[in-house]
Amino acid sequence: MSIETELKLAISPENVEKLLQHPLLHNATHSKPAQRLYSTYFDTLNHALLQQGIGCRIRRVGKKRIQTLKTAGFGLGGLHQRQEWETNVESDVPSLEVIPEGVLPNRIISRFHQIEPLFTTDFQRTVWYIVEGENQVEVALDQGYIKTQTSSTDLSEVELELKSGDPRILYQIALELQKTIPLTIENHSKAARGYALHTPRSPVYHKAPPVELIASMTVEASLSAILWHCIGHLNANEDMVLYGDDIEGVHQMRVALRRLRSCLSLYKEVLPEMRDSELWQELKWISAVLGIARDWDVFNLTLQEMQTQTFGQAVLEDLQSIVMNARMTAYSLTREAIRSPRYSRLLLSLGEWITECGWRKGLNNPIITQLEQPVIGFANRILQTQYAYVCKRGKQLHQLDATKLHEFRIAIKKIGYGSRFFSDLYPAKDVKRYVKKLAQLQDELGILNDASVATRLLNEAKIDDNAATRHFLNGWYAHQHIVHLKVLVEAWQNLLEQKVFWK
């Protein structure tokens, strides 16, 4: 059994020649000539192996047959890690006998005789080996097809597999290649793409699962865990944005980025230079792109709500068409951004930074010492600091203008994300009660913020100040403000009366 660690990048066929001529590959320690690899993937018709996170294939390499069993592992930012077992076999049908005892659960062993071929991969692989000190990386260019009995899709990707050494070398090589070749991250394995081809399913959106922390974890370890968690949440919703039609996909990607940026802000004591970094600017860029699409989505939902009232239908008819066109444009730009090398470079750079603990560069000893302290004390301190900031901002809440309310809303969101990040460190019931109060307050602030966003979108749509549509919307939002400001003040008071869960 071995642990497979690899970084997968998609490459368009027209850019293959650039890859072949890249200095990194010309200077590689050695290479292998192109070799045809033909693999058949097996499972039951209802994907029993996949449901257990198991992949099974037989690969033909010349006259050899290699049976491979893989666990699902995980894939983040293009990096895939899995356990795998490889065995030379004589047959084109998987053998249960060569699989080590304890690898397969009993429910799979009892159904192993039901597996059958579902799809195949057929591609040419060209391999180079890059050695830097103790690091050895296999660079493989794969070009071919993934096929089922009824359909096929092209395969063109670069795999960087760590043979030995530090995983950050994978990111360094990928970023070096991407300087001159428009490579993009491929988060789906060949097997995952084959299953999707065999049994197409509509994309689904994913909310963020809980962050798993323990009190004895260091500040640095918790930072790394939360950042990877946020990246996983981001990656999980890309398919919905690219190929689905549920607006929650854009919402969840935007939430993932807000959580990630909030994490970086909450940890600013140990990340003093973060806001001046290129990473921070690139995170702001993709957040802004998604934000535009999300704003039009929310505005469109509000218009639909207004149109349920008979008196609002006629005056909003023309605006609805404008909004739909603006949404289509925003989504087109969002998908273009997610498919771009710029977005992949951001994720690769984040992956490298987290893997090598890049925040340590240039830090003084007191901050490094702080990074090595247990997270619980750090969590107590930053939650209290954020709470004090929120309390200060919330004074005379009913008198705050739109700008101040927006700042207050951001502060509430930040303490909300912090509460969820560190929830495992405190009594679950106490955290749940507090987070519920925060969520109620945040909802009211969001409704009040919608008016400011709507005004900006109307200006972008070039709706005349004296247009009937503008007056109608101003009246709607003025009523919303009166109703929800009262509820907001009550929600704020409820939060103040709720005992904090940290020490």
Protein backbone atom coordinates (compact mmCIF):
# COMPACT_ATOMS: atom_id res chain seq x y z
CA MET A 1 0.00 0.00 0.00
CA SER A 2 1.23 3.50 -0.82
CA ILE A 3 -0.07 7.06 -0.50
CA GLU A 4 -0.53 8.70 -3.87
CA THR A 5 -0.09 12.48 -3.81
CA GLU A 6 -0.58 14.29 -7.09
CA LEU A 7 -1.58 17.62 -8.56
CA LYS A 8 -3.79 17.52 -11.66
CA LEU A 9 -3.90 20.27 -14.27
CA ALA A 10 -5.98 20.51 -17.43
CA ILE A 11 -4.18 21.48 -20.63
CA SER A 12 -5.77 22.27 -23.97
CA PRO A 13 -4.32 20.31 -26.94
CA GLU A 14 -3.10 23.51 -28.62
CA ASN A 15 -0.84 24.20 -25.65
CA VAL A 16 0.80 20.78 -25.51
CA GLU A 17 3.72 21.88 -27.70
CA LYS A 18 4.47 24.70 -25.24
CA LEU A 19 4.62 22.13 -22.46
CA LEU A 20 6.95 19.88 -24.44
CA GLN A 21 9.32 22.79 -25.03
CA HIS A 22 9.28 24.06 -21.44
CA PRO A 23 12.76 24.37 -19.84
CA LEU A 24 11.62 22.45 -16.74
CA LEU A 25 11.00 19.35 -18.83
CA HIS A 26 14.07 19.82 -21.00
CA ASN A 27 16.15 19.90 -17.82
CA ALA A 28 14.37 16.89 -16.28
CA THR A 29 16.59 14.13 -14.90
CA HIS A 30 15.20 11.65 -17.41
CA SER A 31 12.05 10.90 -19.34
CA LYS A 32 10.12 8.01 -20.82
CA PRO A 33 8.82 7.75 -24.38
CA ALA A 34 5.06 7.96 -24.89
CA GLN A 35 3.26 4.82 -23.74
CA ARG A 36 -0.33 3.74 -24.32
CA LEU A 37 -2.29 3.04 -21.14
CA TYR A 38 -5.67 1.35 -21.38
CA SER A 39 -7.67 1.01 -18.15
CA THR A 40 -11.05 -0.53 -17.38
CA TYR A 41 -12.89 0.65 -14.26
CA PHE A 42 -15.22 -1.73 -12.44
CA ASP A 43 -18.15 -1.31 -10.08
CA THR A 44 -21.68 -2.57 -9.55
CA LEU A 45 -24.38 -0.90 -11.62
CA ASN A 46 -25.53 1.08 -8.59
CA HIS A 47 -21.92 2.13 -7.78
CA ALA A 48 -21.50 0.21 -4.51
CA LEU A 49 -17.72 0.68 -4.58
CA LEU A 50 -17.98 4.40 -5.25
CA GLN A 51 -20.41 4.80 -2.36
CA GLN A 52 -17.72 3.37 -0.08
CA GLY A 53 -15.06 5.66 -1.53
CA ILE A 54 -13.33 2.85 -3.42
CA GLY A 55 -12.09 2.72 -7.00
CA CYS A 56 -11.11 -0.47 -8.83
CA ARG A 57 -9.44 -0.74 -12.22
CA ILE A 58 -7.29 -3.00 -14.34
CA ARG A 59 -4.71 -1.21 -16.47
CA ARG A 60 -3.06 -2.78 -19.49
CA VAL A 61 0.52 -1.63 -20.05
CA GLY A 62 1.90 -3.59 -23.00
CA LYS A 63 1.40 -7.24 -22.05
CA LYS A 64 1.17 -6.52 -18.32
CA ARG A 65 -2.06 -6.32 -16.33
CA ILE A 66 -2.07 -4.22 -13.15
CA GLN A 67 -5.00 -4.29 -10.75
CA THR A 68 -5.31 -1.07 -8.74
CA LEU A 69 -7.54 -0.36 -5.78
CA LYS A 70 -7.81 3.23 -4.53
CA THR A 71 -9.58 4.95 -1.69
CA ALA A 72 -11.48 8.16 -2.38
CA GLY A 73 -8.99 10.28 -0.44
CA PHE A 74 -9.50 13.98 -0.98
CA GLY A 75 -8.85 16.61 -3.60
CA LEU A 76 -8.33 20.29 -2.83
CA GLY A 77 -6.98 22.98 -5.10
CA GLY A 78 -6.02 20.31 -7.62
CA LEU A 79 -4.07 18.25 -5.05
CA HIS A 80 -5.27 14.65 -4.71
CA GLN A 81 -4.20 12.23 -1.98
CA ARG A 82 -5.31 8.58 -1.90
CA GLN A 83 -4.25 5.23 -0.60
CA GLU A 84 -3.65 2.73 -3.39
CA TRP A 85 -2.80 -0.96 -3.74
CA GLU A 86 -1.30 -2.23 -7.02
CA THR A 87 -0.88 -5.90 -7.96
CA ASN A 88 0.20 -7.60 -11.17
CA VAL A 89 -2.56 -9.95 -12.37
CA GLU A 90 -3.14 -12.29 -15.33
CA SER A 91 -6.82 -11.59 -15.94
CA ASP A 92 -8.81 -8.65 -17.32
CA VAL A 93 -11.30 -9.17 -14.46
CA PRO A 94 -10.52 -7.94 -10.90
CA SER A 95 -9.46 -10.58 -8.40
CA LEU A 96 -10.64 -10.40 -4.79
CA GLU A 97 -7.83 -12.72 -3.71
CA VAL A 98 -5.04 -10.21 -4.35
CA ILE A 99 -6.66 -7.45 -2.28
CA PRO A 100 -5.12 -7.27 1.23
CA GLU A 101 -7.33 -8.38 4.09
CA GLY A 102 -9.12 -5.54 5.85
CA VAL A 103 -9.02 -3.14 2.91
CA LEU A 104 -12.57 -3.82 1.73
CA PRO A 105 -15.58 -3.69 4.09
CA ASN A 106 -17.62 -6.90 4.36
CA ARG A 107 -20.58 -5.41 2.51
CA ILE A 108 -18.34 -4.89 -0.54
CA ILE A 109 -16.68 -8.30 -0.29
CA SER A 110 -20.12 -9.94 -0.40
CA ARG A 111 -20.99 -8.05 -3.58
CA PHE A 112 -17.62 -8.16 -5.31
CA HIS A 113 -18.87 -10.83 -7.73
CA GLN A 114 -21.46 -8.33 -9.04
CA ILE A 115 -18.95 -5.80 -10.36
CA GLU A 116 -18.67 -5.24 -14.09
CA PRO A 117 -16.85 -2.84 -16.44
CA LEU A 118 -18.44 0.64 -16.46
CA PHE A 119 -16.00 2.79 -18.43
CA THR A 120 -12.50 2.88 -19.83
CA THR A 121 -9.66 5.35 -20.20
CA ASP A 122 -7.43 5.11 -23.25
CA PHE A 123 -4.55 7.57 -23.48
CA GLN A 124 -0.93 8.15 -24.37
CA ARG A 125 1.29 9.02 -21.41
CA THR A 126 4.60 10.83 -21.67
CA VAL A 127 6.65 10.99 -18.47
CA TRP A 128 9.47 13.18 -17.14
CA TYR A 129 11.18 13.03 -13.74
CA ILE A 130 12.23 16.19 -11.94
CA VAL A 131 14.62 15.80 -9.01
CA GLU A 132 15.46 18.66 -6.66
CA GLY A 133 17.41 17.53 -3.61
CA GLU A 134 15.23 15.03 -1.76
CA ASN A 135 12.20 15.89 -3.89
CA GLN A 136 11.33 13.68 -6.84
CA VAL A 137 8.31 14.44 -9.01
CA GLU A 138 6.88 12.51 -11.93
CA VAL A 139 5.38 14.81 -14.56
CA ALA A 140 2.97 12.96 -16.84
CA LEU A 141 1.20 14.29 -19.92
CA ASP A 142 -1.94 12.24 -20.63
CA GLN A 143 -3.82 12.62 -23.93
CA GLY A 144 -6.70 10.44 -25.01
CA TYR A 145 -10.29 9.60 -24.12
CA ILE A 146 -12.64 8.43 -21.39
CA LYS A 147 -15.34 6.14 -22.80
CA THR A 148 -18.49 4.30 -21.84
CA GLN A 149 -20.51 2.04 -24.14
CA THR A 150 -22.55 5.02 -25.33
CA SER A 151 -20.41 8.15 -24.99
CA SER A 152 -16.89 9.54 -24.69
CA THR A 153 -15.03 12.69 -23.67
CA ASP A 154 -11.55 13.98 -24.42
CA LEU A 155 -8.76 13.64 -21.89
CA SER A 156 -5.88 16.13 -21.86
CA GLU A 157 -4.14 16.74 -18.56
CA VAL A 158 -0.85 17.05 -16.74
CA GLU A 159 -0.29 15.06 -13.56
CA LEU A 160 2.43 15.98 -11.11
CA GLU A 161 2.92 13.03 -8.78
CA LEU A 162 5.11 13.24 -5.70
CA LYS A 163 7.42 10.22 -5.62
CA SER A 164 9.34 11.45 -2.59
CA GLY A 165 9.86 14.66 -0.65
CA ASP A 166 7.75 17.69 0.27
CA PRO A 167 4.28 18.18 -1.36
CA ARG A 168 4.91 21.92 -1.82
CA ILE A 169 7.27 21.07 -4.70
CA LEU A 170 4.16 20.10 -6.69
CA TYR A 171 2.75 23.61 -6.34
CA GLN A 172 6.10 25.18 -7.19
CA ILE A 173 6.40 23.19 -10.41
CA ALA A 174 2.77 23.86 -11.35
CA LEU A 175 3.18 27.61 -10.82
CA GLU A 176 6.40 27.62 -12.85
CA LEU A 177 4.69 25.83 -15.74
CA GLN A 178 1.70 28.13 -15.52
CA LYS A 179 3.80 31.24 -16.04
CA THR A 180 3.91 30.48 -19.78
CA ILE A 181 1.21 27.82 -20.26
CA PRO A 182 -2.49 28.52 -19.47
CA LEU A 183 -3.01 25.44 -17.30
CA THR A 184 -6.10 25.20 -15.11
CA ILE A 185 -6.74 23.07 -12.03
CA GLU A 186 -8.50 19.75 -12.58
CA ASN A 187 -10.28 18.78 -9.37
CA HIS A 188 -11.84 15.62 -10.81
CA SER A 189 -9.91 12.38 -11.14
CA LYS A 190 -10.19 10.26 -14.29
CA ALA A 191 -12.39 7.89 -12.33
CA ALA A 192 -14.72 10.68 -11.19
CA ARG A 193 -15.06 11.90 -14.77
CA GLY A 194 -15.75 8.34 -15.92
CA TYR A 195 -18.51 7.85 -13.36
CA ALA A 196 -20.05 11.19 -14.38
CA LEU A 197 -20.00 10.03 -18.01
CA HIS A 198 -21.49 6.63 -17.14
CA THR A 199 -24.29 8.02 -14.96
CA PRO A 200 -24.76 11.76 -15.55
CA ARG A 201 -26.14 13.63 -12.57
CA SER A 202 -27.11 17.25 -12.10
CA PRO A 203 -24.64 19.29 -10.04
CA VAL A 204 -25.53 19.99 -6.42
CA TYR A 205 -24.46 22.84 -4.16
CA HIS A 206 -22.73 22.27 -0.84
CA LYS A 207 -22.96 24.22 2.40
CA ALA A 208 -19.88 24.36 4.59
CA PRO A 209 -19.58 21.38 6.95
CA PRO A 210 -18.28 21.97 10.50
CA VAL A 211 -14.58 22.71 10.95
CA GLU A 212 -12.87 20.00 13.00
CA LEU A 213 -10.54 21.47 15.63
CA ILE A 214 -9.29 20.33 19.03
CA ALA A 215 -8.25 22.55 21.94
CA SER A 216 -4.67 21.25 21.99
CA MET A 217 -4.12 22.21 18.36
CA THR A 218 -1.64 25.02 17.79
CA VAL A 219 -2.71 28.37 16.36
CA GLU A 220 -0.78 27.52 13.20
CA ALA A 221 -2.40 24.10 12.79
CA SER A 222 -5.87 25.60 13.27
CA LEU A 223 -5.14 28.30 10.70
CA SER A 224 -4.07 25.67 8.18
CA ALA A 225 -7.11 23.49 8.91
CA ILE A 226 -9.59 26.37 8.50
CA LEU A 227 -7.99 27.59 5.27
CA TRP A 228 -8.08 24.13 3.69
CA HIS A 229 -11.67 23.77 4.90
CA CYS A 230 -12.67 27.02 3.16
CA ILE A 231 -10.90 26.00 -0.06
CA GLY A 232 -12.75 22.68 0.03
CA HIS A 233 -16.07 24.53 0.39
CA LEU A 234 -15.11 26.74 -2.57
CA ASN A 235 -14.08 23.83 -4.81
CA ALA A 236 -17.21 21.84 -3.93
CA ASN A 237 -19.48 24.47 -5.50
CA GLU A 238 -17.58 25.15 -8.71
CA ASP A 239 -19.52 22.55 -10.73
CA MET A 240 -22.86 24.09 -9.78
CA VAL A 241 -21.70 27.51 -10.96
CA LEU A 242 -20.14 26.17 -14.16
CA TYR A 243 -22.77 23.64 -15.20
CA GLY A 244 -25.80 23.96 -12.92
CA ASP A 245 -28.68 26.39 -12.66
CA ASP A 246 -29.24 26.77 -8.91
CA ILE A 247 -28.26 30.26 -7.75
CA GLU A 248 -27.11 28.75 -4.45
CA GLY A 249 -23.90 27.69 -6.22
CA VAL A 250 -22.71 31.27 -6.63
CA HIS A 251 -23.93 32.07 -3.13
CA GLN A 252 -21.94 29.21 -1.57
CA MET A 253 -18.77 30.04 -3.50
CA ARG A 254 -19.08 33.62 -2.32
CA VAL A 255 -19.67 32.47 1.26
CA ALA A 256 -16.58 30.22 1.02
CA LEU A 257 -14.47 33.20 -0.02
CA ARG A 258 -15.94 35.37 2.72
CA ARG A 259 -15.14 32.68 5.25
CA LEU A 260 -11.60 32.39 3.92
CA ARG A 261 -11.02 36.14 4.01
CA SER A 262 -12.64 36.36 7.46
CA CYS A 263 -10.25 33.67 8.68
CA LEU A 264 -7.29 35.67 7.41
CA SER A 265 -8.67 38.81 9.11
CA LEU A 266 -9.34 37.03 12.40
CA TYR A 267 -5.77 35.71 12.38
CA LYS A 268 -4.26 39.10 11.54
CA GLU A 269 -2.17 39.03 14.76
CA VAL A 270 -0.04 36.31 13.15
CA LEU A 271 -0.54 37.48 9.54
CA PRO A 272 0.57 41.13 9.76
CA GLU A 273 1.40 41.53 6.06
CA MET A 274 -1.56 39.64 4.60
CA ARG A 275 -3.66 42.60 3.44
CA ASP A 276 -0.72 43.94 1.41
CA SER A 277 -0.14 40.63 -0.34
CA GLU A 278 -0.94 39.60 -3.91
CA LEU A 279 -2.96 36.68 -2.53
CA TRP A 280 -5.29 39.06 -0.70
CA GLN A 281 -5.79 41.17 -3.84
CA GLU A 282 -6.58 38.08 -5.91
CA LEU A 283 -9.07 36.88 -3.32
CA LYS A 284 -10.76 40.29 -3.52
CA TRP A 285 -10.84 39.97 -7.32
CA ILE A 286 -12.68 36.63 -7.46
CA SER A 287 -14.92 37.67 -4.55
CA ALA A 288 -15.95 40.77 -6.49
CA VAL A 289 -16.71 38.74 -9.62
CA LEU A 290 -18.96 36.38 -7.68
CA GLY A 291 -20.43 39.30 -5.75
CA ILE A 292 -21.78 40.91 -8.92
CA ALA A 293 -23.61 37.72 -9.91
CA ARG A 294 -24.96 37.28 -6.39
CA ASP A 295 -26.23 40.88 -6.23
CA TRP A 296 -28.23 40.42 -9.44
CA ASP A 297 -29.59 37.10 -8.14
CA VAL A 298 -30.84 38.68 -4.91
CA PHE A 299 -32.29 41.67 -6.75
CA ASN A 300 -34.09 39.33 -9.15
CA LEU A 301 -35.59 37.39 -6.24
CA THR A 302 -36.79 40.65 -4.71
CA LEU A 303 -38.45 41.66 -7.98
CA GLN A 304 -40.22 38.31 -8.13
CA GLU A 305 -41.50 38.90 -4.61
CA MET A 306 -42.72 42.36 -5.60
CA GLN A 307 -44.48 41.01 -8.69
CA THR A 308 -46.61 38.71 -6.59
CA GLN A 309 -48.41 41.90 -5.57
CA THR A 310 -50.82 42.89 -8.35
CA PHE A 311 -50.06 46.59 -8.20
CA GLY A 312 -46.35 46.00 -8.91
CA GLN A 313 -46.51 43.85 -12.02
CA ALA A 314 -46.82 46.44 -14.79
CA VAL A 315 -44.28 48.94 -13.47
CA LEU A 316 -41.62 46.24 -13.03
CA GLU A 317 -42.12 44.44 -16.36
CA ASP A 318 -39.38 46.24 -18.29
CA LEU A 319 -36.97 46.12 -15.36
CA GLN A 320 -37.32 42.34 -15.11
CA SER A 321 -35.98 41.95 -18.64
CA ILE A 322 -33.04 44.26 -17.89
CA VAL A 323 -32.23 42.32 -14.73
CA MET A 324 -32.33 38.96 -16.52
CA ASN A 325 -29.88 40.22 -19.15
CA ALA A 326 -27.60 41.64 -16.46
CA ARG A 327 -27.67 38.28 -14.62
CA MET A 328 -26.76 36.41 -17.80
CA THR A 329 -23.81 38.72 -18.36
CA ALA A 330 -22.67 38.43 -14.74
CA TYR A 331 -22.85 34.62 -14.86
CA SER A 332 -20.95 34.52 -18.14
CA LEU A 333 -18.15 36.60 -16.59
CA THR A 334 -18.20 34.47 -13.44
CA ARG A 335 -17.82 31.21 -15.39
CA GLU A 336 -15.08 32.74 -17.49
CA ALA A 337 -13.22 33.75 -14.32
CA ILE A 338 -13.52 30.30 -12.72
CA ARG A 339 -12.23 28.64 -15.88
CA SER A 340 -9.35 31.06 -16.19
CA PRO A 341 -5.66 30.36 -15.47
CA ARG A 342 -5.80 33.36 -13.13
CA TYR A 343 -8.26 31.59 -10.82
CA SER A 344 -6.22 28.37 -10.96
CA ARG A 345 -3.08 30.32 -10.19
CA LEU A 346 -4.78 31.81 -7.13
CA LEU A 347 -5.68 28.35 -5.84
CA LEU A 348 -2.21 26.98 -6.60
CA SER A 349 -0.60 29.93 -4.85
CA LEU A 350 -2.87 29.44 -1.84
CA GLY A 351 -2.05 25.74 -1.78
CA GLU A 352 1.68 26.43 -1.87
CA TRP A 353 1.39 29.13 0.82
CA ILE A 354 -0.55 26.87 3.19
CA THR A 355 1.58 23.78 2.54
CA GLU A 356 4.84 25.58 3.24
CA CYS A 357 3.38 27.74 6.07
CA GLY A 358 4.37 30.76 3.98
CA TRP A 359 3.08 33.14 6.64
CA ARG A 360 6.26 32.43 8.64
CA LYS A 361 8.43 34.32 6.15
CA GLY A 362 9.70 37.52 7.74
CA LEU A 363 7.88 36.99 11.06
CA ASN A 364 9.63 37.91 14.30
CA ASN A 365 10.12 35.41 17.13
CA PRO A 366 7.21 36.61 19.33
CA ILE A 367 4.72 35.98 16.52
CA ILE A 368 6.27 32.59 15.71
CA THR A 369 5.98 31.71 19.39
CA GLN A 370 2.32 32.73 19.26
CA LEU A 371 1.75 30.44 16.26
CA GLU A 372 2.99 27.52 18.35
CA GLN A 373 0.61 28.16 21.28
CA PRO A 374 -2.63 26.16 21.82
CA VAL A 375 -5.49 27.58 19.76
CA ILE A 376 -8.01 27.80 22.62
CA GLY A 377 -6.38 30.87 24.20
CA PHE A 378 -6.07 32.53 20.80
CA ALA A 379 -9.74 31.79 20.01
CA ASN A 380 -10.89 33.28 23.32
CA ARG A 381 -8.91 36.44 22.69
CA ILE A 382 -9.89 37.15 19.10
CA LEU A 383 -13.57 36.36 19.69
CA GLN A 384 -13.62 38.76 22.63
CA THR A 385 -11.81 41.42 20.57
CA GLN A 386 -14.30 41.02 17.75
CA TYR A 387 -17.20 41.12 20.20
CA ALA A 388 -15.94 44.37 21.72
CA TYR A 389 -15.65 45.85 18.22
CA VAL A 390 -19.21 44.79 17.39
CA CYS A 391 -20.55 46.26 20.63
CA LYS A 392 -18.86 49.55 19.84
CA ARG A 393 -20.27 49.59 16.32
CA GLY A 394 -23.75 48.68 17.53
CA LYS A 395 -24.25 51.71 19.77
CA GLN A 396 -27.18 53.85 18.60
CA LEU A 397 -27.94 51.17 16.01
CA HIS A 398 -31.23 52.69 14.90
CA GLN A 399 -29.41 55.93 13.98
CA LEU A 400 -26.69 54.41 11.77
CA ASP A 401 -26.65 55.39 8.09
CA ALA A 402 -26.35 52.84 5.27
CA THR A 403 -22.53 52.90 5.28
CA LYS A 404 -22.27 52.36 9.04
CA LEU A 405 -24.90 49.61 8.92
CA HIS A 406 -22.90 47.84 6.22
CA GLU A 407 -19.74 48.03 8.36
CA PHE A 408 -21.71 46.67 11.31
CA ARG A 409 -23.02 43.85 9.13
CA ILE A 410 -19.50 42.86 8.06
CA ALA A 411 -18.38 42.84 11.70
CA ILE A 412 -21.33 40.61 12.67
CA LYS A 413 -20.51 38.23 9.83
CA LYS A 414 -16.89 38.03 10.96
CA ILE A 415 -17.78 37.10 14.54
CA GLY A 416 -20.30 34.62 13.12
CA TYR A 417 -17.64 32.92 11.00
CA GLY A 418 -15.23 32.94 13.94
CA SER A 419 -17.85 31.34 16.18
CA ARG A 420 -18.37 28.55 13.65
CA PHE A 421 -14.65 28.08 13.00
CA PHE A 422 -13.94 27.53 16.69
CA SER A 423 -17.21 25.83 17.66
CA ASP A 424 -15.50 22.48 18.38
CA LEU A 425 -13.52 24.13 21.17
CA TYR A 426 -16.59 25.04 23.26
CA PRO A 427 -19.82 23.44 24.58
CA ALA A 428 -21.98 22.72 21.54
CA LYS A 429 -25.25 23.95 23.05
CA ASP A 430 -23.76 27.30 24.07
CA VAL A 431 -22.29 27.88 20.62
CA LYS A 432 -25.52 26.86 18.88
CA ARG A 433 -27.62 29.31 20.91
CA TYR A 434 -25.21 32.16 20.29
CA VAL A 435 -24.82 31.46 16.56
CA LYS A 436 -28.61 31.37 16.18
CA LYS A 437 -28.88 34.87 17.63
CA LEU A 438 -26.09 36.06 15.33
CA ALA A 439 -27.84 34.56 12.30
CA GLN A 440 -31.10 36.34 13.11
CA LEU A 441 -29.26 39.65 13.39
CA GLN A 442 -27.34 38.99 10.20
CA ASP A 443 -30.55 38.24 8.27
CA GLU A 444 -32.08 41.58 9.27
CA LEU A 445 -28.91 43.44 8.34
CA GLY A 446 -28.91 41.69 4.97
CA ILE A 447 -32.46 42.83 4.21
CA LEU A 448 -31.55 46.44 5.06
CA ASN A 449 -28.42 46.21 2.93
CA ASP A 450 -30.48 45.10 -0.08
CA ALA A 451 -31.78 48.65 -0.53
CA SER A 452 -28.28 50.07 -1.00
CA VAL A 453 -27.39 47.29 -3.43
CA ALA A 454 -30.61 47.85 -5.38
CA THR A 455 -29.85 51.56 -5.77
CA ARG A 456 -26.41 50.73 -7.18
CA LEU A 457 -27.85 48.14 -9.58
CA LEU A 458 -30.53 50.57 -10.80
CA ASN A 459 -27.77 53.09 -11.51
CA GLU A 460 -25.81 50.42 -13.42
CA ALA A 461 -28.96 49.59 -15.37
CA LYS A 462 -29.28 53.34 -16.12
CA ILE A 463 -32.81 53.62 -14.76
CA ASP A 464 -33.77 57.31 -14.74
CA ASP A 465 -34.12 58.95 -11.32
CA ASN A 466 -37.66 60.02 -12.17
CA ALA A 467 -38.77 56.70 -13.67
CA ALA A 468 -41.87 55.09 -12.18
CA THR A 469 -39.84 51.94 -11.56
CA ARG A 470 -37.34 53.87 -9.45
CA HIS A 471 -40.10 55.49 -7.36
CA PHE A 472 -41.83 52.15 -6.87
CA LEU A 473 -38.65 50.49 -5.66
CA ASN A 474 -37.75 53.40 -3.39
CA GLY A 475 -41.15 53.06 -1.75
CA TRP A 476 -40.76 49.30 -1.37
CA TYR A 477 -37.35 49.56 0.26
CA ALA A 478 -38.42 52.47 2.47
CA HIS A 479 -41.21 50.27 3.84
CA GLN A 480 -38.75 47.39 4.31
CA HIS A 481 -36.42 49.71 6.21
CA ILE A 482 -39.12 50.83 8.63
CA VAL A 483 -40.31 47.28 9.31
CA HIS A 484 -36.91 45.60 9.60
CA LEU A 485 -35.08 48.33 11.48
CA LYS A 486 -37.37 47.71 14.41
CA VAL A 487 -36.77 43.94 14.17
CA LEU A 488 -33.03 44.61 13.83
CA VAL A 489 -32.90 46.57 17.09
CA GLU A 490 -34.75 43.75 18.86
CA ALA A 491 -32.38 41.13 17.37
CA TRP A 492 -29.38 43.17 18.51
CA GLN A 493 -30.75 43.43 22.03
CA ASN A 494 -31.37 39.67 22.08
CA LEU A 495 -27.75 39.08 21.13
CA LEU A 496 -26.47 41.40 23.85
CA GLU A 497 -28.55 39.50 26.42
CA GLN A 498 -27.16 36.15 25.22
CA LYS A 499 -24.21 34.97 27.30
CA VAL A 500 -21.03 34.58 25.23
CA PHE A 501 -19.66 31.04 25.01
CA TRP A 502 -15.92 31.84 25.08
CA LYS A 503 -13.86 32.68 28.15
